[in-house]
C-alpha cells in the first residue's frame, strides 16, 4: 500500500473556495481504481490549513491518479487560493500482522 500526505494553506479570505476544490478532488479521487481512502482535514492548530491523507493500492495506481484531469483542477485552485503548499510525501507501507 502507498500512503500519501500533503497540505495546503489558504490565503486569508480564500479558505472556502480552496476547501471546496479540495473536497471535489477528494470525491473524484475516491472513484479511481486503486484508491483505498482519500480524505482532507482542517488542521486543528491552523484553520486555514487543509491536510490530505490518502491510501493507494500500489504505486501504479498512484501514478495514474497524478495524470488524471482532476489534478489540473486542484492545481489551478491551489495556485489561485493557497498561500502555501507542502511537498507531497509518499510512503510504502503494509498493515501490521495483527491488523490484517
PDB file of N, CA and C in Angstrom:
ATOM      1  N   UNK A   1       0.848  -1.163   0.000  1.00  0.00           N
ATOM      2  CA  UNK A   1       0.000   0.000   0.000  1.00  0.00           C
ATOM      3  C   UNK A   1       0.902   1.236   0.000  1.00  0.00           C
ATOM      4  N   UNK A   2       0.411   2.293  -0.639  1.00  0.00           N
ATOM      5  CA  UNK A   2       1.107   3.579  -0.671  1.00  0.00           C
ATOM      6  C   UNK A   2       0.277   4.576   0.122  1.00  0.00           C
ATOM      7  N   UNK A   3       0.916   5.292   1.029  1.00  0.00           N
ATOM      8  CA  UNK A   3       0.271   6.350   1.803  1.00  0.00           C
ATOM      9  C   UNK A   3       0.831   7.683   1.322  1.00  0.00           C
ATOM     10  N   UNK A   4      -0.055   8.646   1.143  1.00  0.00           N
ATOM     11  CA  UNK A   4       0.333   9.974   0.666  1.00  0.00           C
ATOM     12  C   UNK A   4      -0.163  11.004   1.669  1.00  0.00           C
ATOM     13  N   UNK A   5       0.712  11.959   2.003  1.00  0.00           N
ATOM     14  CA  UNK A   5       0.321  13.088   2.846  1.00  0.00           C
ATOM     15  C   UNK A   5       0.742  14.382   2.163  1.00  0.00           C
ATOM     16  N   UNK A   6       0.040  15.432   2.474  1.00  0.00           N
ATOM     17  CA  UNK A   6       0.371  16.749   1.954  1.00  0.00           C
ATOM     18  C   UNK A   6      -0.577  17.769   2.555  1.00  0.00           C
ATOM     19  N   UNK A   7      -0.304  19.023   2.336  1.00  0.00           N
ATOM     20  CA  UNK A   7      -1.202  20.048   2.857  1.00  0.00           C
ATOM     21  C   UNK A   7      -1.098  21.319   2.026  1.00  0.00           C
ATOM     22  N   UNK A   8      -2.141  22.120   2.144  1.00  0.00           N
ATOM     23  CA  UNK A   8      -2.174  23.454   1.537  1.00  0.00           C
ATOM     24  C   UNK A   8      -2.734  24.414   2.575  1.00  0.00           C
ATOM     25  N   UNK A   9      -2.244  25.636   2.549  1.00  0.00           N
ATOM     26  CA  UNK A   9      -2.732  26.674   3.457  1.00  0.00           C
ATOM     27  C   UNK A   9      -3.354  27.779   2.621  1.00  0.00           C
ATOM     28  N   UNK A  10      -4.580  28.099   2.934  1.00  0.00           N
ATOM     29  CA  UNK A  10      -5.322  29.097   2.163  1.00  0.00           C
ATOM     30  C   UNK A  10      -4.834  30.508   2.452  1.00  0.00           C
ATOM     31  N   UNK A  11      -4.963  31.346   1.437  1.00  0.00           N
ATOM     32  CA  UNK A  11      -4.767  32.778   1.644  1.00  0.00           C
ATOM     33  C   UNK A  11      -5.907  33.274   2.538  1.00  0.00           C
ATOM     34  N   UNK A  12      -5.670  34.350   3.255  1.00  0.00           N
ATOM     35  CA  UNK A  12      -6.711  34.971   4.063  1.00  0.00           C
ATOM     36  C   UNK A  12      -7.918  35.247   3.172  1.00  0.00           C
ATOM     37  N   UNK A  13      -9.100  34.856   3.614  1.00  0.00           N
ATOM     38  CA  UNK A  13     -10.328  35.095   2.862  1.00  0.00           C
ATOM     39  C   UNK A  13     -10.558  34.126   1.711  1.00  0.00           C
ATOM     40  N   UNK A  14      -9.691  33.151   1.530  1.00  0.00           N
ATOM     41  CA  UNK A  14      -9.805  32.215   0.407  1.00  0.00           C
ATOM     42  C   UNK A  14     -10.022  30.760   0.856  1.00  0.00           C
ATOM     43  N   UNK A  15     -10.327  30.557   2.140  1.00  0.00           N
ATOM     44  CA  UNK A  15     -10.452  29.195   2.642  1.00  0.00           C
ATOM     45  C   UNK A  15     -11.584  28.421   1.964  1.00  0.00           C
ATOM     46  N   UNK A  16     -12.765  29.017   1.870  1.00  0.00           N
ATOM     47  CA  UNK A  16     -13.916  28.286   1.337  1.00  0.00           C
ATOM     48  C   UNK A  16     -13.704  27.798  -0.095  1.00  0.00           C
ATOM     49  N   UNK A  17     -13.251  28.645  -1.019  1.00  0.00           N
ATOM     50  CA  UNK A  17     -13.055  28.114  -2.374  1.00  0.00           C
ATOM     51  C   UNK A  17     -11.955  27.049  -2.443  1.00  0.00           C
ATOM     52  N   UNK A  18     -10.920  27.192  -1.607  1.00  0.00           N
ATOM     53  CA  UNK A  18      -9.876  26.175  -1.596  1.00  0.00           C
ATOM     54  C   UNK A  18     -10.417  24.874  -1.019  1.00  0.00           C
ATOM     55  N   UNK A  19     -11.137  24.965   0.089  1.00  0.00           N
ATOM     56  CA  UNK A  19     -11.750  23.762   0.681  1.00  0.00           C
ATOM     57  C   UNK A  19     -12.678  23.078  -0.309  1.00  0.00           C
ATOM     58  N   UNK A  20     -13.506  23.847  -1.000  1.00  0.00           N
ATOM     59  CA  UNK A  20     -14.444  23.261  -1.961  1.00  0.00           C
ATOM     60  C   UNK A  20     -13.701  22.525  -3.077  1.00  0.00           C
ATOM     61  N   UNK A  21     -12.614  23.113  -3.572  1.00  0.00           N
ATOM     62  CA  UNK A  21     -11.822  22.459  -4.625  1.00  0.00           C
ATOM     63  C   UNK A  21     -11.167  21.189  -4.095  1.00  0.00           C
ATOM     64  N   UNK A  22     -10.682  21.233  -2.860  1.00  0.00           N
ATOM     65  CA  UNK A  22     -10.055  20.045  -2.262  1.00  0.00           C
ATOM     66  C   UNK A  22     -11.085  18.942  -2.063  1.00  0.00           C
ATOM     67  N   UNK A  23     -12.273  19.297  -1.596  1.00  0.00           N
ATOM     68  CA  UNK A  23     -13.323  18.292  -1.413  1.00  0.00           C
ATOM     69  C   UNK A  23     -13.750  17.681  -2.748  1.00  0.00           C
ATOM     70  N   UNK A  24     -13.850  18.496  -3.783  1.00  0.00           N
ATOM     71  CA  UNK A  24     -14.192  17.966  -5.111  1.00  0.00           C
ATOM     72  C   UNK A  24     -13.112  16.995  -5.578  1.00  0.00           C
ATOM     73  N   UNK A  25     -11.853  17.344  -5.330  1.00  0.00           N
ATOM     74  CA  UNK A  25     -10.740  16.465  -5.701  1.00  0.00           C
ATOM     75  C   UNK A  25     -10.804  15.143  -4.943  1.00  0.00           C
ATOM     76  N   UNK A  26     -11.066  15.214  -3.646  1.00  0.00           N
ATOM     77  CA  UNK A  26     -11.159  14.006  -2.828  1.00  0.00           C
ATOM     78  C   UNK A  26     -12.279  13.108  -3.348  1.00  0.00           C
ATOM     79  N   UNK A  27     -13.423  13.685  -3.619  1.00  0.00           N
ATOM     80  CA  UNK A  27     -14.567  12.885  -4.087  1.00  0.00           C
ATOM     81  C   UNK A  27     -14.275  12.229  -5.435  1.00  0.00           C
ATOM     82  N   UNK A  28     -13.624  12.952  -6.351  1.00  0.00           N
ATOM     83  CA  UNK A  28     -13.231  12.366  -7.641  1.00  0.00           C
ATOM     84  C   UNK A  28     -12.245  11.227  -7.415  1.00  0.00           C
ATOM     85  N   UNK A  29     -11.257  11.487  -6.568  1.00  0.00           N
ATOM     86  CA  UNK A  29     -10.188  10.508  -6.340  1.00  0.00           C
ATOM     87  C   UNK A  29     -10.720   9.205  -5.767  1.00  0.00           C
ATOM     88  N   UNK A  30     -11.713   9.283  -4.919  1.00  0.00           N
ATOM     89  CA  UNK A  30     -12.280   8.077  -4.305  1.00  0.00           C
ATOM     90  C   UNK A  30     -12.880   7.120  -5.329  1.00  0.00           C
ATOM     91  N   UNK A  31     -13.202   7.623  -6.508  1.00  0.00           N
ATOM     92  CA  UNK A  31     -13.792   6.767  -7.544  1.00  0.00           C
ATOM     93  C   UNK A  31     -12.733   6.079  -8.401  1.00  0.00           C
ATOM     94  N   UNK A  32     -11.477   6.449  -8.240  1.00  0.00           N
ATOM     95  CA  UNK A  32     -10.408   5.914  -9.083  1.00  0.00           C
ATOM     96  C   UNK A  32     -10.010   4.499  -8.665  1.00  0.00           C
ATOM     97  N   UNK A  33      -9.648   3.714  -9.666  1.00  0.00           N
ATOM     98  CA  UNK A  33      -9.158   2.366  -9.409  1.00  0.00           C
ATOM     99  C   UNK A  33      -7.894   2.452  -8.555  1.00  0.00           C
ATOM    100  N   UNK A  34      -7.858   1.683  -7.493  1.00  0.00           N
ATOM    101  CA  UNK A  34      -6.679   1.653  -6.634  1.00  0.00           C
ATOM    102  C   UNK A  34      -6.740   2.584  -5.444  1.00  0.00           C
ATOM    103  N   UNK A  35      -7.755   3.446  -5.378  1.00  0.00           N
ATOM    104  CA  UNK A  35      -7.894   4.333  -4.226  1.00  0.00           C
ATOM    105  C   UNK A  35      -8.551   3.562  -3.085  1.00  0.00           C
ATOM    106  N   UNK A  36      -7.833   3.430  -1.982  1.00  0.00           N
ATOM    107  CA  UNK A  36      -8.376   2.767  -0.803  1.00  0.00           C
ATOM    108  C   UNK A  36      -9.098   3.784   0.075  1.00  0.00           C
ATOM    109  N   UNK A  37      -8.460   4.923   0.298  1.00  0.00           N
ATOM    110  CA  UNK A  37      -9.097   6.024   1.028  1.00  0.00           C
ATOM    111  C   UNK A  37      -8.442   7.329   0.589  1.00  0.00           C
ATOM    112  N   UNK A  38      -9.214   8.397   0.689  1.00  0.00           N
ATOM    113  CA  UNK A  38      -8.720   9.717   0.282  1.00  0.00           C
ATOM    114  C   UNK A  38      -9.508  10.731   1.094  1.00  0.00           C
ATOM    115  N   UNK A  39      -8.817  11.551   1.874  1.00  0.00           N
ATOM    116  CA  UNK A  39      -9.508  12.494   2.739  1.00  0.00           C
ATOM    117  C   UNK A  39      -8.724  13.793   2.859  1.00  0.00           C
ATOM    118  N   UNK A  40      -9.446  14.846   3.200  1.00  0.00           N
ATOM    119  CA  UNK A  40      -8.839  16.132   3.506  1.00  0.00           C
ATOM    120  C   UNK A  40      -9.448  16.600   4.825  1.00  0.00           C
ATOM    121  N   UNK A  41      -8.585  17.149   5.696  1.00  0.00           N
ATOM    122  CA  UNK A  41      -8.991  17.552   7.036  1.00  0.00           C
ATOM    123  C   UNK A  41      -8.518  18.970   7.314  1.00  0.00           C
ATOM    124  N   UNK A  42      -9.252  19.672   8.180  1.00  0.00           N
ATOM    125  CA  UNK A  42      -8.834  21.001   8.623  1.00  0.00           C
ATOM    126  C   UNK A  42      -7.894  20.825   9.809  1.00  0.00           C
ATOM    127  N   UNK A  43      -6.740  21.476   9.746  1.00  0.00           N
ATOM    128  CA  UNK A  43      -5.749  21.428  10.811  1.00  0.00           C
ATOM    129  C   UNK A  43      -6.320  22.096  12.072  1.00  0.00           C
ATOM    130  N   UNK A  44      -6.282  21.402  13.195  1.00  0.00           N
ATOM    131  CA  UNK A  44      -6.814  21.933  14.453  1.00  0.00           C
ATOM    132  C   UNK A  44      -6.017  23.124  14.971  1.00  0.00           C
ATOM    133  N   UNK A  45      -4.753  23.237  14.575  1.00  0.00           N
ATOM    134  CA  UNK A  45      -3.923  24.346  15.044  1.00  0.00           C
ATOM    135  C   UNK A  45      -3.889  25.525  14.080  1.00  0.00           C
ATOM    136  N   UNK A  46      -4.225  25.284  12.820  1.00  0.00           N
ATOM    137  CA  UNK A  46      -4.231  26.348  11.817  1.00  0.00           C
ATOM    138  C   UNK A  46      -5.460  26.152  10.943  1.00  0.00           C
ATOM    139  N   UNK A  47      -6.546  26.868  11.223  1.00  0.00           N
ATOM    140  CA  UNK A  47      -7.795  26.645  10.496  1.00  0.00           C
ATOM    141  C   UNK A  47      -7.767  27.036   9.018  1.00  0.00           C
ATOM    142  N   UNK A  48      -6.658  27.595   8.544  1.00  0.00           N
ATOM    143  CA  UNK A  48      -6.525  27.872   7.106  1.00  0.00           C
ATOM    144  C   UNK A  48      -5.796  26.736   6.382  1.00  0.00           C
ATOM    145  N   UNK A  49      -5.306  25.762   7.124  1.00  0.00           N
ATOM    146  CA  UNK A  49      -4.512  24.663   6.544  1.00  0.00           C
ATOM    147  C   UNK A  49      -5.374  23.411   6.369  1.00  0.00           C
ATOM    148  N   UNK A  50      -5.322  22.856   5.171  1.00  0.00           N
ATOM    149  CA  UNK A  50      -6.015  21.607   4.836  1.00  0.00           C
ATOM    150  C   UNK A  50      -4.976  20.513   4.662  1.00  0.00           C
ATOM    151  N   UNK A  51      -5.199  19.377   5.299  1.00  0.00           N
ATOM    152  CA  UNK A  51      -4.245  18.275   5.303  1.00  0.00           C
ATOM    153  C   UNK A  51      -4.858  17.074   4.579  1.00  0.00           C
ATOM    154  N   UNK A  52      -4.117  16.545   3.617  1.00  0.00           N
ATOM    155  CA  UNK A  52      -4.548  15.367   2.865  1.00  0.00           C
ATOM    156  C   UNK A  52      -3.940  14.096   3.453  1.00  0.00           C
ATOM    157  N   UNK A  53      -4.739  13.047   3.494  1.00  0.00           N
ATOM    158  CA  UNK A  53      -4.257  11.709   3.841  1.00  0.00           C
ATOM    159  C   UNK A  53      -4.907  10.738   2.863  1.00  0.00           C
ATOM    160  N   UNK A  54      -4.061   9.987   2.156  1.00  0.00           N
ATOM    161  CA  UNK A  54      -4.546   9.075   1.116  1.00  0.00           C
ATOM    162  C   UNK A  54      -3.901   7.706   1.271  1.00  0.00           C
ATOM    163  N   UNK A  55      -4.642   6.670   0.883  1.00  0.00           N
ATOM    164  CA  UNK A  55      -4.105   5.314   0.805  1.00  0.00           C
ATOM    165  C   UNK A  55      -4.404   4.787  -0.595  1.00  0.00           C
ATOM    166  N   UNK A  56      -3.379   4.255  -1.245  1.00  0.00           N
ATOM    167  CA  UNK A  56      -3.498   3.711  -2.598  1.00  0.00           C
ATOM    168  C   UNK A  56      -3.028   2.261  -2.606  1.00  0.00           C
ATOM    169  N   UNK A  57      -3.632   1.466  -3.459  1.00  0.00           N
ATOM    170  CA  UNK A  57      -3.306   0.042  -3.548  1.00  0.00           C
ATOM    171  C   UNK A  57      -1.834  -0.181  -3.830  1.00  0.00           C
ATOM    172  N   UNK A  58      -1.291   0.593  -4.809  1.00  0.00           N
ATOM    173  CA  UNK A  58       0.098   0.413  -5.211  1.00  0.00           C
ATOM    174  C   UNK A  58       0.580   1.654  -5.953  1.00  0.00           C
ATOM    175  N   UNK A  59       1.852   1.684  -6.259  1.00  0.00           N
ATOM    176  CA  UNK A  59       2.439   2.839  -6.937  1.00  0.00           C
ATOM    177  C   UNK A  59       1.847   3.087  -8.324  1.00  0.00           C
ATOM    178  N   UNK A  60       1.602   2.058  -9.150  1.00  0.00           N
ATOM    179  CA  UNK A  60       0.975   2.341 -10.451  1.00  0.00           C
ATOM    180  C   UNK A  60      -0.384   3.042 -10.327  1.00  0.00           C
ATOM    181  N   UNK A  61      -1.176   2.674  -9.331  1.00  0.00           N
ATOM    182  CA  UNK A  61      -2.472   3.345  -9.139  1.00  0.00           C
ATOM    183  C   UNK A  61      -2.263   4.815  -8.780  1.00  0.00           C
ATOM    184  N   UNK A  62      -1.287   5.092  -7.925  1.00  0.00           N
ATOM    185  CA  UNK A  62      -0.995   6.474  -7.558  1.00  0.00           C
ATOM    186  C   UNK A  62      -0.469   7.254  -8.762  1.00  0.00           C
ATOM    187  N   UNK A  63       0.395   6.657  -9.539  1.00  0.00           N
ATOM    188  CA  UNK A  63       0.923   7.330 -10.724  1.00  0.00           C
ATOM    189  C   UNK A  63      -0.189   7.653 -11.709  1.00  0.00           C
ATOM    190  N   UNK A  64      -1.139   6.756 -11.855  1.00  0.00           N
ATOM    191  CA  UNK A  64      -2.296   7.011 -12.728  1.00  0.00           C
ATOM    192  C   UNK A  64      -3.132   8.177 -12.173  1.00  0.00           C
ATOM    193  N   UNK A  65      -3.284   8.220 -10.868  1.00  0.00           N
ATOM    194  CA  UNK A  65      -4.019   9.315 -10.214  1.00  0.00           C
ATOM    195  C   UNK A  65      -3.391  10.671 -10.552  1.00  0.00           C
ATOM    196  N   UNK A  66      -2.068  10.738 -10.548  1.00  0.00           N
ATOM    197  CA  UNK A  66      -1.388  12.005 -10.772  1.00  0.00           C
ATOM    198  C   UNK A  66      -1.522  12.524 -12.203  1.00  0.00           C
ATOM    199  N   UNK A  67      -2.011  11.722 -13.126  1.00  0.00           N
ATOM    200  CA  UNK A  67      -2.192  12.199 -14.500  1.00  0.00           C
ATOM    201  C   UNK A  67      -3.666  12.327 -14.883  1.00  0.00           C
ATOM    202  N   UNK A  68      -4.574  12.192 -13.917  1.00  0.00           N
ATOM    203  CA  UNK A  68      -5.995  12.374 -14.229  1.00  0.00           C
ATOM    204  C   UNK A  68      -6.289  13.855 -14.446  1.00  0.00           C
ATOM    205  N   UNK A  69      -7.314  14.164 -15.235  1.00  0.00           N
ATOM    206  CA  UNK A  69      -7.665  15.574 -15.475  1.00  0.00           C
ATOM    207  C   UNK A  69      -8.007  16.340 -14.200  1.00  0.00           C
ATOM    208  N   UNK A  70      -8.515  15.664 -13.184  1.00  0.00           N
ATOM    209  CA  UNK A  70      -8.884  16.337 -11.941  1.00  0.00           C
ATOM    210  C   UNK A  70      -7.702  16.964 -11.220  1.00  0.00           C
ATOM    211  N   UNK A  71      -6.516  16.443 -11.444  1.00  0.00           N
ATOM    212  CA  UNK A  71      -5.321  17.016 -10.813  1.00  0.00           C
ATOM    213  C   UNK A  71      -5.123  18.457 -11.276  1.00  0.00           C
ATOM    214  N   UNK A  72      -5.353  18.725 -12.547  1.00  0.00           N
ATOM    215  CA  UNK A  72      -5.201  20.097 -13.063  1.00  0.00           C
ATOM    216  C   UNK A  72      -6.185  21.041 -12.385  1.00  0.00           C
ATOM    217  N   UNK A  73      -7.411  20.577 -12.154  1.00  0.00           N
ATOM    218  CA  UNK A  73      -8.400  21.414 -11.460  1.00  0.00           C
ATOM    219  C   UNK A  73      -7.917  21.765 -10.056  1.00  0.00           C
ATOM    220  N   UNK A  74      -7.397  20.777  -9.346  1.00  0.00           N
ATOM    221  CA  UNK A  74      -6.899  21.033  -7.997  1.00  0.00           C
ATOM    222  C   UNK A  74      -5.707  21.990  -8.035  1.00  0.00           C
ATOM    223  N   UNK A  75      -4.772  21.778  -8.932  1.00  0.00           N
ATOM    224  CA  UNK A  75      -3.591  22.634  -9.001  1.00  0.00           C
ATOM    225  C   UNK A  75      -3.966  24.067  -9.349  1.00  0.00           C
ATOM    226  N   UNK A  76      -4.946  24.260 -10.208  1.00  0.00           N
ATOM    227  CA  UNK A  76      -5.410  25.613 -10.525  1.00  0.00           C
ATOM    228  C   UNK A  76      -5.977  26.293  -9.282  1.00  0.00           C
ATOM    229  N   UNK A  77      -6.760  25.557  -8.504  1.00  0.00           N
ATOM    230  CA  UNK A  77      -7.331  26.115  -7.273  1.00  0.00           C
ATOM    231  C   UNK A  77      -6.235  26.444  -6.262  1.00  0.00           C
ATOM    232  N   UNK A  78      -5.235  25.582  -6.159  1.00  0.00           N
ATOM    233  CA  UNK A  78      -4.127  25.840  -5.234  1.00  0.00           C
ATOM    234  C   UNK A  78      -3.389  27.110  -5.655  1.00  0.00           C
ATOM    235  N   UNK A  79      -3.105  27.244  -6.935  1.00  0.00           N
ATOM    236  CA  UNK A  79      -2.415  28.459  -7.410  1.00  0.00           C
ATOM    237  C   UNK A  79      -3.226  29.716  -7.102  1.00  0.00           C
ATOM    238  N   UNK A  80      -4.525  29.616  -7.238  1.00  0.00           N
ATOM    239  CA  UNK A  80      -5.382  30.790  -7.050  1.00  0.00           C
ATOM    240  C   UNK A  80      -5.646  31.113  -5.573  1.00  0.00           C
ATOM    241  N   UNK A  81      -5.859  30.095  -4.745  1.00  0.00           N
ATOM    242  CA  UNK A  81      -6.374  30.325  -3.393  1.00  0.00           C
ATOM    243  C   UNK A  81      -5.407  30.013  -2.254  1.00  0.00           C
ATOM    244  N   UNK A  82      -4.287  29.373  -2.543  1.00  0.00           N
ATOM    245  CA  UNK A  82      -3.385  28.956  -1.458  1.00  0.00           C
ATOM    246  C   UNK A  82      -2.234  29.937  -1.271  1.00  0.00           C
ATOM    247  N   UNK A  83      -1.888  30.155  -0.013  1.00  0.00           N
ATOM    248  CA  UNK A  83      -0.715  30.945   0.327  1.00  0.00           C
ATOM    249  C   UNK A  83       0.530  30.076   0.254  1.00  0.00           C
ATOM    250  N   UNK A  84       0.373  28.781   0.560  1.00  0.00           N
ATOM    251  CA  UNK A  84       1.496  27.854   0.503  1.00  0.00           C
ATOM    252  C   UNK A  84       0.979  26.431   0.400  1.00  0.00           C
ATOM    253  N   UNK A  85       1.856  25.553  -0.047  1.00  0.00           N
ATOM    254  CA  UNK A  85       1.534  24.131  -0.072  1.00  0.00           C
ATOM    255  C   UNK A  85       2.797  23.356   0.262  1.00  0.00           C
ATOM    256  N   UNK A  86       2.618  22.286   1.024  1.00  0.00           N
ATOM    257  CA  UNK A  86       3.744  21.439   1.373  1.00  0.00           C
ATOM    258  C   UNK A  86       3.993  20.437   0.263  1.00  0.00           C
ATOM    259  N   UNK A  87       5.204  19.983   0.215  1.00  0.00           N
ATOM    260  CA  UNK A  87       5.560  18.914  -0.699  1.00  0.00           C
ATOM    261  C   UNK A  87       4.729  17.682  -0.353  1.00  0.00           C
ATOM    262  N   UNK A  88       4.287  16.988  -1.371  1.00  0.00           N
ATOM    263  CA  UNK A  88       3.573  15.729  -1.170  1.00  0.00           C
ATOM    264  C   UNK A  88       4.600  14.679  -0.768  1.00  0.00           C
ATOM    265  N   UNK A  89       4.276  13.913   0.259  1.00  0.00           N
ATOM    266  CA  UNK A  89       5.159  12.857   0.723  1.00  0.00           C
ATOM    267  C   UNK A  89       4.467  11.509   0.539  1.00  0.00           C
ATOM    268  N   UNK A  90       5.189  10.543  -0.001  1.00  0.00           N
ATOM    269  CA  UNK A  90       4.626   9.208  -0.181  1.00  0.00           C
ATOM    270  C   UNK A  90       5.414   8.205   0.654  1.00  0.00           C
ATOM    271  N   UNK A  91       4.691   7.222   1.151  1.00  0.00           N
ATOM    272  CA  UNK A  91       5.276   6.169   1.969  1.00  0.00           C
ATOM    273  C   UNK A  91       4.800   4.826   1.452  1.00  0.00           C
ATOM    274  N   UNK A  92       5.666   3.859   1.453  1.00  0.00           N
ATOM    275  CA  UNK A  92       5.295   2.484   1.168  1.00  0.00           C
ATOM    276  C   UNK A  92       5.028   1.827   2.514  1.00  0.00           C
ATOM    277  N   UNK A  93       3.871   1.204   2.673  1.00  0.00           N
ATOM    278  CA  UNK A  93       3.508   0.647   3.979  1.00  0.00           C
ATOM    279  C   UNK A  93       2.756  -0.662   3.811  1.00  0.00           C
ATOM    280  N   UNK A  94       2.735  -1.403   4.879  1.00  0.00           N
ATOM    281  CA  UNK A  94       1.890  -2.584   4.942  1.00  0.00           C
ATOM    282  C   UNK A  94       1.315  -2.660   6.339  1.00  0.00           C
ATOM    283  N   UNK A  95       0.108  -3.204   6.442  1.00  0.00           N
ATOM    284  CA  UNK A  95      -0.522  -3.325   7.742  1.00  0.00           C
ATOM    285  C   UNK A  95       0.273  -4.264   8.622  1.00  0.00           C
ATOM    286  N   UNK A  96       0.300  -3.959   9.906  1.00  0.00           N
ATOM    287  CA  UNK A  96       0.940  -4.839  10.870  1.00  0.00           C
ATOM    288  C   UNK A  96       0.177  -6.165  10.906  1.00  0.00           C
ATOM    289  N   UNK A  97       0.860  -7.264  11.140  1.00  0.00           N
ATOM    290  CA  UNK A  97       0.209  -8.591  11.105  1.00  0.00           C
ATOM    291  C   UNK A  97      -1.060  -8.682  11.961  1.00  0.00           C
ATOM    292  N   UNK A  98      -1.088  -8.041  13.105  1.00  0.00           N
ATOM    293  CA  UNK A  98      -2.273  -8.143  13.957  1.00  0.00           C
ATOM    294  C   UNK A  98      -3.409  -7.240  13.497  1.00  0.00           C
ATOM    295  N   UNK A  99      -3.209  -6.456  12.446  1.00  0.00           N
ATOM    296  CA  UNK A  99      -4.229  -5.541  11.920  1.00  0.00           C
ATOM    297  C   UNK A  99      -4.869  -6.038  10.636  1.00  0.00           C
ATOM    298  N   UNK A 100      -4.433  -7.131  10.104  1.00  0.00           N
ATOM    299  CA  UNK A 100      -4.960  -7.620   8.826  1.00  0.00           C
ATOM    300  C   UNK A 100      -6.231  -8.379   9.013  1.00  0.00           C
TER     301      UNK A 100
END
